[in-house]
């Protein structure tokens, strides 16, 4: 089911959850060799 928008919805839900508990900074770690995944997160403001 990848590439159908589910990941984007989950990431949005994570950010909404952060706001609901009054946290304004979201962090994560991504393997440096995962260029396509890093680009995906960069496009979402990370």
ModelCIF file with pLDDT and N, C-alpha, C, O atoms, coordinates in Angstrom:
data_MODEL
#
_entry.id   MODEL 
#
_entity.id                         1 
_entity.type                       polymer 
_entity.pdbx_number_of_molecules   1 
#
_entity_poly.entity_id                      1 
_entity_poly.type                           'polypeptide(L)' 
_entity_poly.nstd_linkage                   no 
_entity_poly.nstd_monomer                   no 
_entity_poly.pdbx_seq_one_letter_code       
;(UNK)(UNK)(UNK)(UNK)(UNK)(UNK)(UNK)(UNK)(UNK)(UNK)(UNK)(UNK)(UNK)(UNK)(UNK)(UNK)
(UNK)(UNK)(UNK)(UNK)(UNK)(UNK)(UNK)(UNK)(UNK)(UNK)(UNK)(UNK)(UNK)(UNK)(UNK)(UNK)
(UNK)(UNK)(UNK)(UNK)(UNK)(UNK)(UNK)(UNK)(UNK)(UNK)(UNK)(UNK)(UNK)(UNK)
;
_entity_poly.pdbx_seq_one_letter_code_can   XXXXXXXXXXXXXXXXXXXXXXXXXXXXXXXXXXXXXXXXXXXXXX 
_entity_poly.pdbx_strand_id                 A 
#
loop_
_entity_poly_seq.entity_id 
_entity_poly_seq.num 
_entity_poly_seq.mon_id 
_entity_poly_seq.hetero 
1 1  UNK n 
1 2  UNK n 
1 3  UNK n 
1 4  UNK n 
1 5  UNK n 
1 6  UNK n 
1 7  UNK n 
1 8  UNK n 
1 9  UNK n 
1 10 UNK n 
1 11 UNK n 
1 12 UNK n 
1 13 UNK n 
1 14 UNK n 
1 15 UNK n 
1 16 UNK n 
1 17 UNK n 
1 18 UNK n 
1 19 UNK n 
1 20 UNK n 
1 21 UNK n 
1 22 UNK n 
1 23 UNK n 
1 24 UNK n 
1 25 UNK n 
1 26 UNK n 
1 27 UNK n 
1 28 UNK n 
1 29 UNK n 
1 30 UNK n 
1 31 UNK n 
1 32 UNK n 
1 33 UNK n 
1 34 UNK n 
1 35 UNK n 
1 36 UNK n 
1 37 UNK n 
1 38 UNK n 
1 39 UNK n 
1 40 UNK n 
1 41 UNK n 
1 42 UNK n 
1 43 UNK n 
1 44 UNK n 
1 45 UNK n 
1 46 UNK n 
#
_struct_asym.id          A 
_struct_asym.entity_id   1 
#
loop_
_ma_qa_metric.id 
_ma_qa_metric.mode 
_ma_qa_metric.name 
_ma_qa_metric.software_group_id 
_ma_qa_metric.type 
1 global pLDDT . pLDDT 
2 local  pLDDT . pLDDT 
#
_ma_qa_metric_global.metric_id      1 
_ma_qa_metric_global.metric_value   94.98 
_ma_qa_metric_global.model_id       1 
_ma_qa_metric_global.ordinal_id     1 
#
loop_
_ma_qa_metric_local.label_asym_id 
_ma_qa_metric_local.label_comp_id 
_ma_qa_metric_local.label_seq_id 
_ma_qa_metric_local.metric_id 
_ma_qa_metric_local.metric_value 
_ma_qa_metric_local.model_id 
_ma_qa_metric_local.ordinal_id 
A UNK 1  2 84.00 1 1  
A UNK 2  2 83.00 1 2  
A UNK 3  2 81.00 1 3  
A UNK 4  2 85.00 1 4  
A UNK 5  2 91.00 1 5  
A UNK 6  2 94.00 1 6  
A UNK 7  2 94.00 1 7  
A UNK 8  2 96.00 1 8  
A UNK 9  2 96.00 1 9  
A UNK 10 2 97.00 1 10 
A UNK 11 2 97.00 1 11 
A UNK 12 2 97.00 1 12 
A UNK 13 2 97.00 1 13 
A UNK 14 2 98.00 1 14 
A UNK 15 2 98.00 1 15 
A UNK 16 2 97.00 1 16 
A UNK 17 2 97.00 1 17 
A UNK 18 2 97.00 1 18 
A UNK 19 2 97.00 1 19 
A UNK 20 2 96.00 1 20 
A UNK 21 2 96.00 1 21 
A UNK 22 2 96.00 1 22 
A UNK 23 2 97.00 1 23 
A UNK 24 2 97.00 1 24 
A UNK 25 2 98.00 1 25 
A UNK 26 2 98.00 1 26 
A UNK 27 2 98.00 1 27 
A UNK 28 2 98.00 1 28 
A UNK 29 2 97.00 1 29 
A UNK 30 2 96.00 1 30 
A UNK 31 2 96.00 1 31 
A UNK 32 2 96.00 1 32 
A UNK 33 2 94.00 1 33 
A UNK 34 2 92.00 1 34 
A UNK 35 2 92.00 1 35 
A UNK 36 2 91.00 1 36 
A UNK 37 2 93.00 1 37 
A UNK 38 2 96.00 1 38 
A UNK 39 2 96.00 1 39 
A UNK 40 2 96.00 1 40 
A UNK 41 2 97.00 1 41 
A UNK 42 2 98.00 1 42 
A UNK 43 2 97.00 1 43 
A UNK 44 2 97.00 1 44 
A UNK 45 2 97.00 1 45 
A UNK 46 2 98.00 1 46 
#
loop_
_atom_site.group_PDB 
_atom_site.id 
_atom_site.type_symbol 
_atom_site.label_atom_id 
_atom_site.label_alt_id 
_atom_site.label_comp_id 
_atom_site.label_asym_id 
_atom_site.label_entity_id 
_atom_site.label_seq_id 
_atom_site.pdbx_PDB_ins_code 
_atom_site.Cartn_x 
_atom_site.Cartn_y 
_atom_site.Cartn_z 
_atom_site.occupancy 
_atom_site.B_iso_or_equiv 
_atom_site.pdbx_formal_charge 
_atom_site.auth_seq_id 
_atom_site.auth_comp_id 
_atom_site.auth_asym_id 
_atom_site.auth_atom_id 
_atom_site.pdbx_PDB_model_num 
ATOM 1   N N  . UNK A 1 1  ? 0.807  -1.217 0.000  1.00 84.00 ? 1  UNK A N  1 
ATOM 2   C CA . UNK A 1 1  ? 0.000  0.000  0.000  1.00 84.00 ? 1  UNK A CA 1 
ATOM 3   C C  . UNK A 1 1  ? 0.844  1.273  0.000  1.00 84.00 ? 1  UNK A C  1 
ATOM 4   O O  . UNK A 1 1  ? 0.308  2.369  0.165  1.00 84.00 ? 1  UNK A O  1 
ATOM 5   N N  . UNK A 1 2  ? 2.152  1.138  -0.182 1.00 83.00 ? 2  UNK A N  1 
ATOM 6   C CA . UNK A 1 2  ? 3.022  2.310  -0.187 1.00 83.00 ? 2  UNK A CA 1 
ATOM 7   C C  . UNK A 1 2  ? 2.779  3.164  -1.424 1.00 83.00 ? 2  UNK A C  1 
ATOM 8   O O  . UNK A 1 2  ? 2.319  2.678  -2.458 1.00 83.00 ? 2  UNK A O  1 
ATOM 9   N N  . UNK A 1 3  ? 3.094  4.428  -1.295 1.00 81.00 ? 3  UNK A N  1 
ATOM 10  C CA . UNK A 1 3  ? 2.944  5.433  -2.359 1.00 81.00 ? 3  UNK A CA 1 
ATOM 11  C C  . UNK A 1 3  ? 1.484  5.782  -2.608 1.00 81.00 ? 3  UNK A C  1 
ATOM 12  O O  . UNK A 1 3  ? 1.135  6.260  -3.687 1.00 81.00 ? 3  UNK A O  1 
ATOM 13  N N  . UNK A 1 4  ? 0.617  5.545  -1.607 1.00 85.00 ? 4  UNK A N  1 
ATOM 14  C CA . UNK A 1 4  ? -0.797 5.875  -1.741 1.00 85.00 ? 4  UNK A CA 1 
ATOM 15  C C  . UNK A 1 4  ? -1.266 6.950  -0.777 1.00 85.00 ? 4  UNK A C  1 
ATOM 16  O O  . UNK A 1 4  ? -2.467 7.198  -0.667 1.00 85.00 ? 4  UNK A O  1 
ATOM 17  N N  . UNK A 1 5  ? -0.335 7.594  -0.075 1.00 91.00 ? 5  UNK A N  1 
ATOM 18  C CA . UNK A 1 5  ? -0.708 8.687  0.816  1.00 91.00 ? 5  UNK A CA 1 
ATOM 19  C C  . UNK A 1 5  ? -0.875 8.309  2.279  1.00 91.00 ? 5  UNK A C  1 
ATOM 20  O O  . UNK A 1 5  ? -1.116 9.185  3.109  1.00 91.00 ? 5  UNK A O  1 
ATOM 21  N N  . UNK A 1 6  ? -0.755 7.036  2.618  1.00 94.00 ? 6  UNK A N  1 
ATOM 22  C CA . UNK A 1 6  ? -0.937 6.618  4.014  1.00 94.00 ? 6  UNK A CA 1 
ATOM 23  C C  . UNK A 1 6  ? 0.179  7.179  4.895  1.00 94.00 ? 6  UNK A C  1 
ATOM 24  O O  . UNK A 1 6  ? -0.088 7.675  5.989  1.00 94.00 ? 6  UNK A O  1 
ATOM 25  N N  . UNK A 1 7  ? 1.411  7.105  4.432  1.00 94.00 ? 7  UNK A N  1 
ATOM 26  C CA . UNK A 1 7  ? 2.535  7.646  5.204  1.00 94.00 ? 7  UNK A CA 1 
ATOM 27  C C  . UNK A 1 7  ? 2.358  9.127  5.475  1.00 94.00 ? 7  UNK A C  1 
ATOM 28  O O  . UNK A 1 7  ? 2.626  9.597  6.581  1.00 94.00 ? 7  UNK A O  1 
ATOM 29  N N  . UNK A 1 8  ? 1.911  9.860  4.478  1.00 96.00 ? 8  UNK A N  1 
ATOM 30  C CA . UNK A 1 8  ? 1.680  11.300 4.626  1.00 96.00 ? 8  UNK A CA 1 
ATOM 31  C C  . UNK A 1 8  ? 0.596  11.552 5.680  1.00 96.00 ? 8  UNK A C  1 
ATOM 32  O O  . UNK A 1 8  ? 0.722  12.458 6.503  1.00 96.00 ? 8  UNK A O  1 
ATOM 33  N N  . UNK A 1 9  ? -0.468 10.745 5.648  1.00 96.00 ? 9  UNK A N  1 
ATOM 34  C CA . UNK A 1 9  ? -1.549 10.902 6.635  1.00 96.00 ? 9  UNK A CA 1 
ATOM 35  C C  . UNK A 1 9  ? -1.062 10.582 8.045  1.00 96.00 ? 9  UNK A C  1 
ATOM 36  O O  . UNK A 1 9  ? -1.427 11.266 9.001  1.00 96.00 ? 9  UNK A O  1 
ATOM 37  N N  . UNK A 1 10 ? -0.242 9.549  8.173  1.00 97.00 ? 10 UNK A N  1 
ATOM 38  C CA . UNK A 1 10 ? 0.300  9.205  9.493  1.00 97.00 ? 10 UNK A CA 1 
ATOM 39  C C  . UNK A 1 10 ? 1.238  10.294 10.010 1.00 97.00 ? 10 UNK A C  1 
ATOM 40  O O  . UNK A 1 10 ? 1.209  10.627 11.195 1.00 97.00 ? 10 UNK A O  1 
ATOM 41  N N  . UNK A 1 11 ? 2.069  10.850 9.127  1.00 97.00 ? 11 UNK A N  1 
ATOM 42  C CA . UNK A 1 11 ? 2.970  11.924 9.543  1.00 97.00 ? 11 UNK A CA 1 
ATOM 43  C C  . UNK A 1 11 ? 2.170  13.156 9.953  1.00 97.00 ? 11 UNK A C  1 
ATOM 44  O O  . UNK A 1 11 ? 2.519  13.818 10.931 1.00 97.00 ? 11 UNK A O  1 
ATOM 45  N N  . UNK A 1 12 ? 1.113  13.470 9.228  1.00 97.00 ? 12 UNK A N  1 
ATOM 46  C CA . UNK A 1 12 ? 0.250  14.592 9.592  1.00 97.00 ? 12 UNK A CA 1 
ATOM 47  C C  . UNK A 1 12 ? -0.413 14.334 10.945 1.00 97.00 ? 12 UNK A C  1 
ATOM 48  O O  . UNK A 1 12 ? -0.512 15.242 11.770 1.00 97.00 ? 12 UNK A O  1 
ATOM 49  N N  . UNK A 1 13 ? -0.862 13.115 11.173 1.00 97.00 ? 13 UNK A N  1 
ATOM 50  C CA . UNK A 1 13 ? -1.474 12.758 12.456 1.00 97.00 ? 13 UNK A CA 1 
ATOM 51  C C  . UNK A 1 13 ? -0.461 12.895 13.592 1.00 97.00 ? 13 UNK A C  1 
ATOM 52  O O  . UNK A 1 13 ? -0.815 13.310 14.695 1.00 97.00 ? 13 UNK A O  1 
ATOM 53  N N  . UNK A 1 14 ? 0.794  12.549 13.325 1.00 98.00 ? 14 UNK A N  1 
ATOM 54  C CA . UNK A 1 14 ? 1.848  12.698 14.335 1.00 98.00 ? 14 UNK A CA 1 
ATOM 55  C C  . UNK A 1 14 ? 2.041  14.173 14.686 1.00 98.00 ? 14 UNK A C  1 
ATOM 56  O O  . UNK A 1 14 ? 2.156  14.529 15.859 1.00 98.00 ? 14 UNK A O  1 
ATOM 57  N N  . UNK A 1 15 ? 2.076  15.027 13.665 1.00 98.00 ? 15 UNK A N  1 
ATOM 58  C CA . UNK A 1 15 ? 2.243  16.456 13.906 1.00 98.00 ? 15 UNK A CA 1 
ATOM 59  C C  . UNK A 1 15 ? 1.023  17.033 14.632 1.00 98.00 ? 15 UNK A C  1 
ATOM 60  O O  . UNK A 1 15 ? 1.170  17.876 15.517 1.00 98.00 ? 15 UNK A O  1 
ATOM 61  N N  . UNK A 1 16 ? -0.165 16.585 14.264 1.00 97.00 ? 16 UNK A N  1 
ATOM 62  C CA . UNK A 1 16 ? -1.382 17.023 14.961 1.00 97.00 ? 16 UNK A CA 1 
ATOM 63  C C  . UNK A 1 16 ? -1.348 16.587 16.426 1.00 97.00 ? 16 UNK A C  1 
ATOM 64  O O  . UNK A 1 16 ? -1.758 17.335 17.314 1.00 97.00 ? 16 UNK A O  1 
ATOM 65  N N  . UNK A 1 17 ? -0.860 15.385 16.667 1.00 97.00 ? 17 UNK A N  1 
ATOM 66  C CA . UNK A 1 17 ? -0.742 14.889 18.041 1.00 97.00 ? 17 UNK A CA 1 
ATOM 67  C C  . UNK A 1 17 ? 0.222  15.785 18.829 1.00 97.00 ? 17 UNK A C  1 
ATOM 68  O O  . UNK A 1 17 ? -0.064 16.149 19.970 1.00 97.00 ? 17 UNK A O  1 
ATOM 69  N N  . UNK A 1 18 ? 1.361  16.138 18.223 1.00 97.00 ? 18 UNK A N  1 
ATOM 70  C CA . UNK A 1 18 ? 2.326  17.017 18.895 1.00 97.00 ? 18 UNK A CA 1 
ATOM 71  C C  . UNK A 1 18 ? 1.653  18.327 19.301 1.00 97.00 ? 18 UNK A C  1 
ATOM 72  O O  . UNK A 1 18 ? 1.810  18.788 20.432 1.00 97.00 ? 18 UNK A O  1 
ATOM 73  N N  . UNK A 1 19 ? 0.914  18.914 18.385 1.00 97.00 ? 19 UNK A N  1 
ATOM 74  C CA . UNK A 1 19 ? 0.217  20.175 18.700 1.00 97.00 ? 19 UNK A CA 1 
ATOM 75  C C  . UNK A 1 19 ? -0.783 19.973 19.834 1.00 97.00 ? 19 UNK A C  1 
ATOM 76  O O  . UNK A 1 19 ? -0.935 20.843 20.691 1.00 97.00 ? 19 UNK A O  1 
ATOM 77  N N  . UNK A 1 20 ? -1.470 18.820 19.842 1.00 96.00 ? 20 UNK A N  1 
ATOM 78  C CA . UNK A 1 20 ? -2.498 18.568 20.860 1.00 96.00 ? 20 UNK A CA 1 
ATOM 79  C C  . UNK A 1 20 ? -1.910 18.458 22.262 1.00 96.00 ? 20 UNK A C  1 
ATOM 80  O O  . UNK A 1 20 ? -2.620 18.650 23.249 1.00 96.00 ? 20 UNK A O  1 
ATOM 81  N N  . UNK A 1 21 ? -0.620 18.151 22.356 1.00 96.00 ? 21 UNK A N  1 
ATOM 82  C CA . UNK A 1 21 ? 0.031  18.087 23.671 1.00 96.00 ? 21 UNK A CA 1 
ATOM 83  C C  . UNK A 1 21 ? 1.010  19.249 23.852 1.00 96.00 ? 21 UNK A C  1 
ATOM 84  O O  . UNK A 1 21 ? 1.912  19.195 24.688 1.00 96.00 ? 21 UNK A O  1 
ATOM 85  N N  . UNK A 1 22 ? 0.812  20.300 23.050 1.00 96.00 ? 22 UNK A N  1 
ATOM 86  C CA . UNK A 1 22 ? 1.571  21.563 23.151 1.00 96.00 ? 22 UNK A CA 1 
ATOM 87  C C  . UNK A 1 22 ? 3.069  21.391 22.923 1.00 96.00 ? 22 UNK A C  1 
ATOM 88  O O  . UNK A 1 22 ? 3.884  22.028 23.590 1.00 96.00 ? 22 UNK A O  1 
ATOM 89  N N  . UNK A 1 23 ? 3.418  20.534 21.986 1.00 97.00 ? 23 UNK A N  1 
ATOM 90  C CA . UNK A 1 23 ? 4.813  20.390 21.568 1.00 97.00 ? 23 UNK A CA 1 
ATOM 91  C C  . UNK A 1 23 ? 4.926  20.926 20.144 1.00 97.00 ? 23 UNK A C  1 
ATOM 92  O O  . UNK A 1 23 ? 4.144  20.555 19.268 1.00 97.00 ? 23 UNK A O  1 
ATOM 93  N N  . UNK A 1 24 ? 5.909  21.804 19.920 1.00 97.00 ? 24 UNK A N  1 
ATOM 94  C CA . UNK A 1 24 ? 6.071  22.444 18.621 1.00 97.00 ? 24 UNK A CA 1 
ATOM 95  C C  . UNK A 1 24 ? 7.267  21.948 17.819 1.00 97.00 ? 24 UNK A C  1 
ATOM 96  O O  . UNK A 1 24 ? 7.476  22.389 16.689 1.00 97.00 ? 24 UNK A O  1 
ATOM 97  N N  . UNK A 1 25 ? 8.062  21.032 18.389 1.00 98.00 ? 25 UNK A N  1 
ATOM 98  C CA . UNK A 1 25 ? 9.233  20.505 17.701 1.00 98.00 ? 25 UNK A CA 1 
ATOM 99  C C  . UNK A 1 25 ? 9.084  18.997 17.535 1.00 98.00 ? 25 UNK A C  1 
ATOM 100 O O  . UNK A 1 25 ? 8.887  18.267 18.506 1.00 98.00 ? 25 UNK A O  1 
ATOM 101 N N  . UNK A 1 26 ? 9.182  18.547 16.288 1.00 98.00 ? 26 UNK A N  1 
ATOM 102 C CA . UNK A 1 26 ? 9.113  17.123 15.984 1.00 98.00 ? 26 UNK A CA 1 
ATOM 103 C C  . UNK A 1 26 ? 10.478 16.699 15.462 1.00 98.00 ? 26 UNK A C  1 
ATOM 104 O O  . UNK A 1 26 ? 11.050 17.362 14.596 1.00 98.00 ? 26 UNK A O  1 
ATOM 105 N N  . UNK A 1 27 ? 11.007 15.581 15.995 1.00 98.00 ? 27 UNK A N  1 
ATOM 106 C CA . UNK A 1 27 ? 12.309 15.073 15.564 1.00 98.00 ? 27 UNK A CA 1 
ATOM 107 C C  . UNK A 1 27 ? 12.189 13.618 15.141 1.00 98.00 ? 27 UNK A C  1 
ATOM 108 O O  . UNK A 1 27 ? 11.226 12.927 15.474 1.00 98.00 ? 27 UNK A O  1 
ATOM 109 N N  . UNK A 1 28 ? 13.186 13.177 14.406 1.00 98.00 ? 28 UNK A N  1 
ATOM 110 C CA . UNK A 1 28 ? 13.272 11.783 13.974 1.00 98.00 ? 28 UNK A CA 1 
ATOM 111 C C  . UNK A 1 28 ? 14.700 11.505 13.558 1.00 98.00 ? 28 UNK A C  1 
ATOM 112 O O  . UNK A 1 28 ? 15.502 12.427 13.408 1.00 98.00 ? 28 UNK A O  1 
ATOM 113 N N  . UNK A 1 29 ? 15.019 10.237 13.372 1.00 97.00 ? 29 UNK A N  1 
ATOM 114 C CA . UNK A 1 29 ? 16.302 9.855  12.812 1.00 97.00 ? 29 UNK A CA 1 
ATOM 115 C C  . UNK A 1 29 ? 16.043 8.994  11.580 1.00 97.00 ? 29 UNK A C  1 
ATOM 116 O O  . UNK A 1 29 ? 15.116 8.184  11.556 1.00 97.00 ? 29 UNK A O  1 
ATOM 117 N N  . UNK A 1 30 ? 16.885 9.185  10.546 1.00 96.00 ? 30 UNK A N  1 
ATOM 118 C CA . UNK A 1 30 ? 16.759 8.459  9.287  1.00 96.00 ? 30 UNK A CA 1 
ATOM 119 C C  . UNK A 1 30 ? 18.158 8.005  8.873  1.00 96.00 ? 30 UNK A C  1 
ATOM 120 O O  . UNK A 1 30 ? 19.114 8.777  8.946  1.00 96.00 ? 30 UNK A O  1 
ATOM 121 N N  . UNK A 1 31 ? 18.269 6.764  8.444  1.00 96.00 ? 31 UNK A N  1 
ATOM 122 C CA . UNK A 1 31 ? 19.548 6.223  7.987  1.00 96.00 ? 31 UNK A CA 1 
ATOM 123 C C  . UNK A 1 31 ? 20.091 7.104  6.853  1.00 96.00 ? 31 UNK A C  1 
ATOM 124 O O  . UNK A 1 31 ? 19.373 7.415  5.903  1.00 96.00 ? 31 UNK A O  1 
ATOM 125 N N  . UNK A 1 32 ? 21.351 7.496  6.962  1.00 96.00 ? 32 UNK A N  1 
ATOM 126 C CA . UNK A 1 32 ? 21.945 8.438  6.009  1.00 96.00 ? 32 UNK A CA 1 
ATOM 127 C C  . UNK A 1 32 ? 21.943 7.923  4.577  1.00 96.00 ? 32 UNK A C  1 
ATOM 128 O O  . UNK A 1 32 ? 21.939 8.727  3.645  1.00 96.00 ? 32 UNK A O  1 
ATOM 129 N N  . UNK A 1 33 ? 21.947 6.630  4.374  1.00 94.00 ? 33 UNK A N  1 
ATOM 130 C CA . UNK A 1 33 ? 21.970 6.047  3.025  1.00 94.00 ? 33 UNK A CA 1 
ATOM 131 C C  . UNK A 1 33 ? 20.586 5.999  2.377  1.00 94.00 ? 33 UNK A C  1 
ATOM 132 O O  . UNK A 1 33 ? 20.453 5.519  1.251  1.00 94.00 ? 33 UNK A O  1 
ATOM 133 N N  . UNK A 1 34 ? 19.573 6.478  3.057  1.00 92.00 ? 34 UNK A N  1 
ATOM 134 C CA . UNK A 1 34 ? 18.193 6.418  2.555  1.00 92.00 ? 34 UNK A CA 1 
ATOM 135 C C  . UNK A 1 34 ? 17.828 7.728  1.865  1.00 92.00 ? 34 UNK A C  1 
ATOM 136 O O  . UNK A 1 34 ? 16.940 8.450  2.317  1.00 92.00 ? 34 UNK A O  1 
ATOM 137 N N  . UNK A 1 35 ? 18.517 8.029  0.770  1.00 92.00 ? 35 UNK A N  1 
ATOM 138 C CA . UNK A 1 35 ? 18.352 9.314  0.076  1.00 92.00 ? 35 UNK A CA 1 
ATOM 139 C C  . UNK A 1 35 ? 16.898 9.591  -0.300 1.00 92.00 ? 35 UNK A C  1 
ATOM 140 O O  . UNK A 1 35 ? 16.415 10.707 -0.109 1.00 92.00 ? 35 UNK A O  1 
ATOM 141 N N  . UNK A 1 36 ? 16.188 8.583  -0.836 1.00 91.00 ? 36 UNK A N  1 
ATOM 142 C CA . UNK A 1 36 ? 14.804 8.807  -1.265 1.00 91.00 ? 36 UNK A CA 1 
ATOM 143 C C  . UNK A 1 36 ? 13.892 9.087  -0.073 1.00 91.00 ? 36 UNK A C  1 
ATOM 144 O O  . UNK A 1 36 ? 12.968 9.894  -0.175 1.00 91.00 ? 36 UNK A O  1 
ATOM 145 N N  . UNK A 1 37 ? 14.144 8.434  1.041  1.00 93.00 ? 37 UNK A N  1 
ATOM 146 C CA . UNK A 1 37 ? 13.345 8.677  2.244  1.00 93.00 ? 37 UNK A CA 1 
ATOM 147 C C  . UNK A 1 37 ? 13.660 10.052 2.836  1.00 93.00 ? 37 UNK A C  1 
ATOM 148 O O  . UNK A 1 37 ? 12.756 10.772 3.262  1.00 93.00 ? 37 UNK A O  1 
ATOM 149 N N  . UNK A 1 38 ? 14.929 10.408 2.860  1.00 96.00 ? 38 UNK A N  1 
ATOM 150 C CA . UNK A 1 38 ? 15.309 11.741 3.338  1.00 96.00 ? 38 UNK A CA 1 
ATOM 151 C C  . UNK A 1 38 ? 14.633 12.814 2.487  1.00 96.00 ? 38 UNK A C  1 
ATOM 152 O O  . UNK A 1 38 ? 14.114 13.787 3.034  1.00 96.00 ? 38 UNK A O  1 
ATOM 153 N N  . UNK A 1 39 ? 14.627 12.660 1.176  1.00 96.00 ? 39 UNK A N  1 
ATOM 154 C CA . UNK A 1 39 ? 13.973 13.635 0.297  1.00 96.00 ? 39 UNK A CA 1 
ATOM 155 C C  . UNK A 1 39 ? 12.479 13.732 0.593  1.00 96.00 ? 39 UNK A C  1 
ATOM 156 O O  . UNK A 1 39 ? 11.903 14.820 0.559  1.00 96.00 ? 39 UNK A O  1 
ATOM 157 N N  . UNK A 1 40 ? 11.853 12.588 0.884  1.00 96.00 ? 40 UNK A N  1 
ATOM 158 C CA . UNK A 1 40 ? 10.426 12.560 1.214  1.00 96.00 ? 40 UNK A CA 1 
ATOM 159 C C  . UNK A 1 40 ? 10.166 13.422 2.454  1.00 96.00 ? 40 UNK A C  1 
ATOM 160 O O  . UNK A 1 40 ? 9.223  14.213 2.482  1.00 96.00 ? 40 UNK A O  1 
ATOM 161 N N  . UNK A 1 41 ? 11.013 13.259 3.482  1.00 97.00 ? 41 UNK A N  1 
ATOM 162 C CA . UNK A 1 41 ? 10.850 14.068 4.694  1.00 97.00 ? 41 UNK A CA 1 
ATOM 163 C C  . UNK A 1 41 ? 11.179 15.545 4.447  1.00 97.00 ? 41 UNK A C  1 
ATOM 164 O O  . UNK A 1 41 ? 10.505 16.421 4.990  1.00 97.00 ? 41 UNK A O  1 
ATOM 165 N N  . UNK A 1 42 ? 12.187 15.829 3.650  1.00 98.00 ? 42 UNK A N  1 
ATOM 166 C CA . UNK A 1 42 ? 12.518 17.222 3.346  1.00 98.00 ? 42 UNK A CA 1 
ATOM 167 C C  . UNK A 1 42 ? 11.328 17.919 2.677  1.00 98.00 ? 42 UNK A C  1 
ATOM 168 O O  . UNK A 1 42 ? 11.031 19.074 2.982  1.00 98.00 ? 42 UNK A O  1 
ATOM 169 N N  . UNK A 1 43 ? 10.658 17.220 1.776  1.00 97.00 ? 43 UNK A N  1 
ATOM 170 C CA . UNK A 1 43 ? 9.487  17.812 1.098  1.00 97.00 ? 43 UNK A CA 1 
ATOM 171 C C  . UNK A 1 43 ? 8.354  18.099 2.078  1.00 97.00 ? 43 UNK A C  1 
ATOM 172 O O  . UNK A 1 43 ? 7.466  18.899 1.783  1.00 97.00 ? 43 UNK A O  1 
ATOM 173 N N  . UNK A 1 44 ? 8.379  17.466 3.220  1.00 97.00 ? 44 UNK A N  1 
ATOM 174 C CA . UNK A 1 44 ? 7.350  17.680 4.243  1.00 97.00 ? 44 UNK A CA 1 
ATOM 175 C C  . UNK A 1 44 ? 7.812  18.630 5.350  1.00 97.00 ? 44 UNK A C  1 
ATOM 176 O O  . UNK A 1 44 ? 7.189  18.710 6.408  1.00 97.00 ? 44 UNK A O  1 
ATOM 177 N N  . UNK A 1 45 ? 8.898  19.342 5.098  1.00 97.00 ? 45 UNK A N  1 
ATOM 178 C CA . UNK A 1 45 ? 9.335  20.397 6.004  1.00 97.00 ? 45 UNK A CA 1 
ATOM 179 C C  . UNK A 1 45 ? 10.354 19.995 7.052  1.00 97.00 ? 45 UNK A C  1 
ATOM 180 O O  . UNK A 1 45 ? 10.679 20.803 7.922  1.00 97.00 ? 45 UNK A O  1 
ATOM 181 N N  . UNK A 1 46 ? 10.864 18.788 7.001  1.00 98.00 ? 46 UNK A N  1 
ATOM 182 C CA . UNK A 1 46 ? 11.892 18.356 7.954  1.00 98.00 ? 46 UNK A CA 1 
ATOM 183 C C  . UNK A 1 46 ? 13.261 18.740 7.421  1.00 98.00 ? 46 UNK A C  1 
ATOM 184 O O  . UNK A 1 46 ? 14.273 18.470 8.068  1.00 98.00 ? 46 UNK A O  1 
#
